[in-house]
């Protein structure tokens, strides 16, 4: 996601001057492509840049980069954080940035790798409204649509709910198609019927055929699905709510991770529901 966002901004005339990745080889290759500097340390990224976009894996990674030099001499800098992490971590980042004299905005993404490259992301943004307005000229080149939601942490809450519902829908679709296959139904027919009835969903459009064909090239990994469902369940626990469907879905994605399928696309949850499947035919 981050690499394609950088490519998109370069195409739109922005000076992409610095890149950093936990995989130095990936950073070096992208830097050569974009004419940027592959920075070995995070302090150099901030030194070279006016605006810094972060796309990381999880809460631990987010805390690590902000404690690892990204806020060194950050006065006046703009940080745009696009990863799906816990709302509390976004609030923590906003506080750390403010103490450093910088501005922080969460810009949670509800799209995939292709949309990042095309500049057609859907972004949910939160933080100070002044910061949102400052970031807008950048975000408008990355997104087909965006929504300002409120103060720090609120966009992350919405994103957690988006992914929770998406994951439930994905698991439900896998079960419907898996049972259809076991009954000997034509799955192309079944998907068409689903599309015209209450069984329709966005996931049917994006994942249905892939589930049938066992094509699980990764656009959104099962490991990330498990992580994001976990964020939503923690929010529910804080509110005293029990969400049985979200909990059951997370168990399915956790099982995928434990069986070594975590880096496959979330559509590979069908490998757990189709009768007779043991390991996916497609590689990520």
Protein backbone atom coordinates (compact mmCIF):
# COMPACT_ATOMS: atom_id res chain seq x y z
CA UNK A 1 0.00 0.00 0.00
CA UNK A 2 2.68 2.47 0.99
CA UNK A 3 4.75 1.87 -2.12
CA UNK A 4 1.77 2.36 -4.42
CA UNK A 5 0.77 5.52 -2.57
CA UNK A 6 4.28 6.85 -3.08
CA UNK A 7 4.14 6.01 -6.79
CA UNK A 8 0.80 7.75 -7.11
CA UNK A 9 2.05 10.92 -5.41
CA UNK A 10 5.14 10.95 -7.61
CA UNK A 11 2.90 10.70 -10.69
CA UNK A 12 0.86 13.63 -9.39
CA UNK A 13 3.88 15.91 -9.15
CA UNK A 14 4.79 15.60 -5.48
CA UNK A 15 8.45 15.37 -4.55
CA UNK A 16 8.80 11.99 -2.87
CA UNK A 17 12.17 12.51 -1.25
CA UNK A 18 12.50 9.73 1.34
CA UNK A 19 11.32 6.16 1.86
CA UNK A 20 11.85 3.75 4.72
CA UNK A 21 10.85 0.12 5.15
CA UNK A 22 11.58 -2.62 7.67
CA UNK A 23 12.83 -4.50 4.60
CA UNK A 24 15.81 -2.40 3.45
CA UNK A 25 15.87 -4.06 0.02
CA UNK A 26 12.28 -2.98 -0.62
CA UNK A 27 13.10 0.59 0.39
CA UNK A 28 16.18 0.64 -1.85
CA UNK A 29 14.25 -0.62 -4.87
CA UNK A 30 11.41 1.85 -4.38
CA UNK A 31 13.80 4.74 -3.80
CA UNK A 32 15.61 3.96 -7.05
CA UNK A 33 12.28 3.87 -8.89
CA UNK A 34 11.12 7.20 -7.47
CA UNK A 35 14.40 9.09 -7.31
CA UNK A 36 14.17 9.25 -3.51
CA UNK A 37 16.59 8.45 -0.71
CA UNK A 38 16.27 5.09 1.00
CA UNK A 39 16.65 6.13 4.62
CA UNK A 40 18.20 3.66 7.02
CA UNK A 41 16.84 5.53 10.03
CA UNK A 42 13.62 7.35 10.71
CA UNK A 43 15.22 10.60 11.81
CA UNK A 44 16.46 11.08 8.25
CA UNK A 45 12.93 10.59 6.86
CA UNK A 46 11.63 13.44 9.02
CA UNK A 47 14.64 15.62 8.30
CA UNK A 48 14.07 15.43 4.54
CA UNK A 49 10.28 15.64 4.49
CA UNK A 50 7.54 18.18 5.17
CA UNK A 51 4.81 15.52 5.24
CA UNK A 52 5.36 11.91 6.31
CA UNK A 53 2.88 9.14 5.47
CA UNK A 54 3.04 6.00 7.58
CA UNK A 55 1.62 2.59 6.66
CA UNK A 56 2.57 -0.06 9.22
CA UNK A 57 1.36 -3.48 10.29
CA UNK A 58 0.00 -3.15 13.82
CA UNK A 59 0.02 -1.29 17.14
CA UNK A 60 3.51 -2.47 18.03
CA UNK A 61 4.94 -1.26 14.73
CA UNK A 62 3.19 2.11 15.08
CA UNK A 63 4.59 2.70 18.55
CA UNK A 64 8.00 1.54 17.40
CA UNK A 65 8.37 4.08 14.59
CA UNK A 66 7.16 6.98 16.75
CA UNK A 67 9.52 6.00 19.55
CA UNK A 68 12.29 5.19 17.09
CA UNK A 69 13.21 8.63 15.82
CA UNK A 70 10.33 9.65 13.55
CA UNK A 71 9.52 12.59 15.83
CA UNK A 72 13.09 13.84 16.10
CA UNK A 73 13.19 17.53 15.07
CA UNK A 74 9.60 17.19 13.90
CA UNK A 75 8.44 20.73 14.66
CA UNK A 76 6.11 21.94 11.91
CA UNK A 77 5.94 18.54 10.19
CA UNK A 78 2.74 16.79 9.12
CA UNK A 79 2.25 13.09 9.87
CA UNK A 80 -0.50 11.19 8.02
CA UNK A 81 -1.08 7.74 9.49
CA UNK A 82 -2.91 5.26 7.26
CA UNK A 83 -2.56 1.93 9.02
CA UNK A 84 -5.39 0.09 10.72
CA UNK A 85 -4.34 0.18 14.36
CA UNK A 86 -6.16 0.60 17.66
CA UNK A 87 -7.88 3.95 18.19
CA UNK A 88 -5.92 4.43 21.42
CA UNK A 89 -2.66 4.23 19.49
CA UNK A 90 -3.80 6.97 17.10
CA UNK A 91 -4.65 9.12 20.12
CA UNK A 92 -1.24 8.37 21.58
CA UNK A 93 0.48 9.36 18.32
CA UNK A 94 -1.48 12.60 18.15
CA UNK A 95 -0.33 13.47 21.66
CA UNK A 96 3.31 12.65 20.96
CA UNK A 97 3.25 14.68 17.74
CA UNK A 98 1.69 17.68 19.46
CA UNK A 99 4.40 17.64 22.14
CA UNK A 100 6.98 17.68 19.32
CA UNK A 101 5.30 20.68 17.70
CA UNK A 102 4.00 18.58 14.80
CA UNK A 103 0.55 17.70 13.47
CA UNK A 104 -0.87 14.19 13.15
CA UNK A 105 -3.86 12.96 11.16
CA UNK A 106 -5.26 9.47 10.87
CA UNK A 107 -6.34 8.65 7.33
CA UNK A 108 -7.66 5.11 7.54
CA UNK A 109 -8.01 3.33 4.21
CA UNK A 110 -10.96 1.20 3.11
CA UNK A 111 -9.51 0.13 -0.20
CA UNK A 112 -6.81 -2.12 -1.60
CA UNK A 113 -3.47 -2.09 -3.42
CA UNK A 114 -4.94 -1.35 -6.84
CA UNK A 115 -6.85 1.68 -5.55
CA UNK A 116 -3.70 3.00 -3.86
CA UNK A 117 -1.92 3.00 -7.21
CA UNK A 118 -4.86 4.58 -9.05
CA UNK A 119 -5.53 7.24 -6.45
CA UNK A 120 -9.05 5.97 -5.78
CA UNK A 121 -8.81 5.14 -2.08
CA UNK A 122 -11.67 5.79 0.33
CA UNK A 123 -10.25 7.55 3.38
CA UNK A 124 -11.70 8.02 6.85
CA UNK A 125 -9.89 10.88 8.56
CA UNK A 126 -9.65 12.05 12.14
CA UNK A 127 -7.66 14.56 14.11
CA UNK A 128 -7.79 18.33 14.37
CA UNK A 129 -9.86 19.80 11.54
CA UNK A 130 -7.02 22.24 10.85
CA UNK A 131 -4.71 19.28 10.29
CA UNK A 132 -7.24 17.67 7.95
CA UNK A 133 -7.37 20.84 5.87
CA UNK A 134 -3.57 20.96 5.70
CA UNK A 135 -3.41 17.34 4.56
CA UNK A 136 -6.22 17.66 2.01
CA UNK A 137 -4.07 18.60 -1.03
CA UNK A 138 -2.14 15.35 -0.54
CA UNK A 139 -5.12 13.19 0.32
CA UNK A 140 -7.12 14.42 -2.68
CA UNK A 141 -4.50 12.89 -4.97
CA UNK A 142 -4.74 9.56 -3.20
CA UNK A 143 -8.49 9.26 -2.75
CA UNK A 144 -11.61 9.23 -4.87
CA UNK A 145 -13.56 10.10 -1.73
CA UNK A 146 -12.81 10.92 1.90
CA UNK A 147 -14.75 11.60 5.07
CA UNK A 148 -13.67 13.72 8.02
CA UNK A 149 -15.08 11.98 11.08
CA UNK A 150 -13.85 13.81 14.16
CA UNK A 151 -11.07 13.96 16.75
CA UNK A 152 -8.16 11.54 16.99
CA UNK A 153 -9.17 7.91 17.31
CA UNK A 154 -12.63 8.24 15.79
CA UNK A 155 -11.68 7.27 12.24
CA UNK A 156 -9.88 4.23 13.64
CA UNK A 157 -13.06 3.23 15.45
CA UNK A 158 -15.05 3.46 12.22
CA UNK A 159 -12.36 1.54 10.30
CA UNK A 160 -12.42 -1.23 12.90
CA UNK A 161 -16.16 -1.59 12.39
CA UNK A 162 -15.80 -1.55 8.60
CA UNK A 163 -13.30 -4.39 8.70
CA UNK A 164 -15.23 -6.31 11.34
CA UNK A 165 -18.37 -6.35 9.18
CA UNK A 166 -16.35 -7.10 6.03
CA UNK A 167 -14.69 -10.05 7.76
CA UNK A 168 -18.04 -11.41 8.95
CA UNK A 169 -19.43 -11.08 5.41
CA UNK A 170 -16.38 -12.87 4.00
CA UNK A 171 -16.72 -15.75 6.43
CA UNK A 172 -20.46 -16.00 5.74
CA UNK A 173 -19.92 -16.06 1.99
CA UNK A 174 -17.30 -18.80 2.34
CA UNK A 175 -19.76 -20.90 4.31
CA UNK A 176 -22.56 -20.35 1.79
CA UNK A 177 -20.40 -21.28 -1.17
CA UNK A 178 -18.83 -24.17 0.72
CA UNK A 179 -22.23 -25.64 1.51
CA UNK A 180 -23.37 -25.01 -2.07
CA UNK A 181 -20.37 -26.91 -3.38
CA UNK A 182 -21.07 -29.81 -1.00
CA UNK A 183 -24.64 -29.94 -2.28
CA UNK A 184 -23.38 -30.17 -5.86
CA UNK A 185 -24.76 -26.78 -6.89
CA UNK A 186 -23.24 -24.82 -9.74
CA UNK A 187 -21.32 -22.11 -7.93
CA UNK A 188 -21.43 -19.63 -10.81
CA UNK A 189 -25.21 -19.95 -10.73
CA UNK A 190 -25.24 -19.65 -6.95
CA UNK A 191 -23.13 -16.48 -7.00
CA UNK A 192 -25.49 -14.96 -9.58
CA UNK A 193 -28.51 -15.77 -7.39
CA UNK A 194 -26.73 -14.34 -4.35
CA UNK A 195 -26.10 -11.12 -6.28
CA UNK A 196 -29.84 -10.64 -6.91
CA UNK A 197 -31.01 -11.40 -3.38
CA UNK A 198 -30.40 -10.54 0.24
CA UNK A 199 -27.20 -12.60 0.09
CA UNK A 200 -25.55 -9.90 -2.01
CA UNK A 201 -22.53 -8.03 -0.65
CA UNK A 202 -19.43 -6.19 -1.77
CA UNK A 203 -17.44 -9.23 -0.71
CA UNK A 204 -19.42 -11.36 -3.15
CA UNK A 205 -18.14 -9.13 -5.94
CA UNK A 206 -14.52 -9.11 -4.80
CA UNK A 207 -14.05 -12.60 -3.32
CA UNK A 208 -16.78 -14.94 -4.54
CA UNK A 209 -15.14 -16.13 -7.74
CA UNK A 210 -11.75 -16.33 -6.01
CA UNK A 211 -13.21 -18.59 -3.34
CA UNK A 212 -14.63 -20.87 -6.03
CA UNK A 213 -11.39 -20.97 -8.03
CA UNK A 214 -9.03 -21.10 -5.02
CA UNK A 215 -7.28 -17.94 -6.21
CA UNK A 216 -6.01 -16.26 -3.08
CA UNK A 217 -3.37 -13.78 -4.25
CA UNK A 218 -3.11 -11.33 -1.40
CA UNK A 219 -4.87 -7.97 -1.45
CA UNK A 220 -5.87 -8.06 2.23
CA UNK A 221 -4.32 -10.83 4.25
CA UNK A 222 -6.02 -13.23 6.60
CA UNK A 223 -3.52 -12.18 9.27
CA UNK A 224 -4.65 -8.58 8.94
CA UNK A 225 -8.28 -9.71 9.05
CA UNK A 226 -7.61 -11.48 12.34
CA UNK A 227 -5.84 -8.42 13.73
CA UNK A 228 -8.59 -6.01 12.70
CA UNK A 229 -11.40 -8.19 14.06
CA UNK A 230 -9.44 -8.26 17.30
CA UNK A 231 -9.41 -4.46 17.45
CA UNK A 232 -13.19 -4.37 17.08
CA UNK A 233 -13.67 -7.04 19.74
CA UNK A 234 -11.52 -5.09 22.19
CA UNK A 235 -13.65 -2.00 21.56
CA UNK A 236 -16.77 -4.09 22.15
CA UNK A 237 -15.37 -5.42 25.42
CA UNK A 238 -14.68 -1.87 26.59
CA UNK A 239 -18.34 -1.06 25.91
CA UNK A 240 -19.63 -4.20 27.63
CA UNK A 241 -20.94 -5.67 24.36
CA UNK A 242 -20.87 -9.30 23.23
CA UNK A 243 -20.44 -9.76 19.47
CA UNK A 244 -20.74 -13.50 18.77
CA UNK A 245 -20.43 -13.27 14.98
CA UNK A 246 -17.29 -11.13 15.17
CA UNK A 247 -15.82 -13.50 17.75
CA UNK A 248 -16.53 -16.58 15.63
CA UNK A 249 -15.06 -14.90 12.55
CA UNK A 250 -11.88 -13.99 14.39
CA UNK A 251 -11.50 -17.62 15.46
CA UNK A 252 -11.65 -18.65 11.80
CA UNK A 253 -8.96 -16.16 10.80
CA UNK A 254 -6.85 -17.11 13.82
CA UNK A 255 -7.10 -20.72 12.64
CA UNK A 256 -5.85 -19.69 9.21
CA UNK A 257 -2.84 -18.00 10.80
CA UNK A 258 -2.11 -21.05 12.97
CA UNK A 259 -2.28 -23.29 9.89
CA UNK A 260 0.19 -21.16 7.96
CA UNK A 261 -2.39 -19.47 5.72
CA UNK A 262 -2.17 -16.03 7.27
CA UNK A 263 -0.38 -14.37 4.36
CA UNK A 264 -3.00 -15.49 1.86
CA UNK A 265 -5.88 -13.19 0.99
CA UNK A 266 -8.86 -13.17 3.36
CA UNK A 267 -10.79 -15.02 0.62
CA UNK A 268 -8.76 -18.09 1.59
CA UNK A 269 -11.07 -18.52 4.57
CA UNK A 270 -12.97 -20.67 2.06
CA UNK A 271 -10.19 -23.25 2.49
CA UNK A 272 -11.70 -23.92 5.93
CA UNK A 273 -15.29 -24.30 4.70
CA UNK A 274 -15.19 -26.16 1.38
CA UNK A 275 -15.47 -29.90 1.83
CA UNK A 276 -12.28 -31.78 0.97
CA UNK A 277 -9.96 -28.78 0.87
CA UNK A 278 -6.76 -29.08 2.86
CA UNK A 279 -4.30 -26.56 1.44
CA UNK A 280 -4.90 -23.77 -1.09
CA UNK A 281 -3.81 -24.33 -4.65
CA UNK A 282 -2.94 -20.67 -5.26
CA UNK A 283 0.10 -18.98 -3.78
CA UNK A 284 0.09 -15.41 -2.41
